[in-house]
Protein backbone atom coordinates (compact mmCIF):
# COMPACT_ATOMS: atom_id res chain seq x y z
CA MET A 1 -17.99 27.20 -11.31
CA LYS A 2 -15.70 24.19 -11.78
CA LYS A 3 -13.66 23.84 -14.93
CA LYS A 4 -14.17 20.58 -16.76
CA VAL A 5 -10.93 18.61 -16.76
CA LYS A 6 -10.03 17.17 -20.15
CA ASN A 7 -8.96 13.53 -19.97
CA GLN A 8 -5.43 12.92 -21.12
CA PHE A 9 -4.50 9.50 -22.45
CA PRO A 10 -1.12 7.88 -22.97
CA PRO A 11 0.24 7.85 -26.53
CA GLY A 12 -1.78 5.47 -28.70
CA TRP A 13 -4.78 5.52 -26.35
CA ASP A 14 -8.09 7.31 -26.72
CA GLU A 15 -11.46 7.23 -24.98
CA ALA A 16 -12.73 4.39 -27.19
CA ARG A 17 -9.78 2.18 -26.31
CA VAL A 18 -10.19 2.88 -22.60
CA ARG A 19 -13.87 1.99 -22.83
CA ARG A 20 -13.05 -1.31 -24.59
CA VAL A 21 -10.60 -2.25 -21.84
CA ILE A 22 -13.10 -1.36 -19.12
CA ASP A 23 -15.83 -3.35 -20.89
CA TYR A 24 -13.49 -6.34 -21.25
CA TYR A 25 -12.76 -6.53 -17.54
CA GLU A 26 -16.27 -5.63 -16.37
CA THR A 27 -17.81 -8.44 -18.43
CA GLN A 28 -15.12 -11.03 -17.66
CA THR A 29 -16.31 -13.96 -15.58
CA GLU A 30 -14.45 -14.99 -12.45
CA ASP A 31 -13.28 -18.17 -14.22
CA GLU A 32 -11.98 -16.17 -17.18
CA ALA A 33 -10.13 -13.77 -14.87
CA PHE A 34 -8.59 -16.68 -12.97
CA ALA A 35 -7.48 -18.35 -16.22
CA GLU A 36 -5.93 -15.09 -17.42
CA ASP A 37 -4.04 -14.68 -14.14
CA GLU A 38 -2.86 -18.27 -14.25
CA ALA A 39 -1.56 -17.85 -17.79
CA VAL A 40 0.45 -14.78 -16.79
CA PHE A 41 2.00 -16.41 -13.75
CA SER A 42 2.77 -19.74 -15.38
CA GLY A 43 5.46 -18.34 -17.68
CA ARG A 44 8.98 -19.63 -17.17
CA HIS A 45 10.77 -16.34 -17.84
CA HIS A 46 9.15 -14.16 -15.20
CA THR A 47 8.23 -14.44 -11.56
CA LEU A 48 6.38 -12.40 -9.00
CA MET A 49 7.79 -11.90 -5.54
CA GLU A 50 7.44 -9.59 -2.58
CA VAL A 51 10.54 -7.61 -1.64
CA PRO A 52 11.20 -4.85 0.88
CA ALA A 53 10.42 -1.45 -0.67
CA ASP A 54 13.90 -0.11 0.03
CA LEU A 55 15.36 -2.80 -2.26
CA VAL A 56 13.21 -1.86 -5.27
CA PRO A 57 15.65 0.71 -6.71
CA ILE A 58 18.51 -1.79 -6.49
CA ILE A 59 16.44 -4.51 -8.14
CA ARG A 60 15.40 -2.14 -10.94
CA GLU A 61 19.04 -1.32 -11.54
CA LEU A 62 19.94 -5.02 -11.73
CA ILE A 63 17.10 -5.65 -14.18
CA ALA A 64 18.25 -2.74 -16.37
CA LYS A 65 21.82 -4.09 -16.40
CA HIS A 66 20.53 -7.57 -17.23
CA GLU A 67 18.44 -6.22 -20.13
CA GLN A 68 21.42 -4.24 -21.45
CA HIS A 69 23.54 -7.39 -21.30
CA GLU A 70 20.90 -9.41 -23.18
CA ASP A 71 20.59 -6.66 -25.80
CA SER A 72 24.35 -6.62 -26.39
CA GLU A 73 24.45 -10.42 -26.74
CA ALA A 74 21.61 -10.39 -29.28
CA ARG A 75 23.65 -8.22 -31.66
């Protein structure tokens, strides 16, 4: 007999919220999805790029240092 696995959600999430997100994306038209993607990628403060996997830890470190620097300047 298999034990039923209880779903665990991140803090602030529950089954109802997960179902709403699933419903949102399952009922989204192709045009709506495209417009949403375009809006995300058209921002001036972020970019998406492909980098070699072995550089990811270095890039994350640079981003963390950059965020710390911005936080200290905001004070």
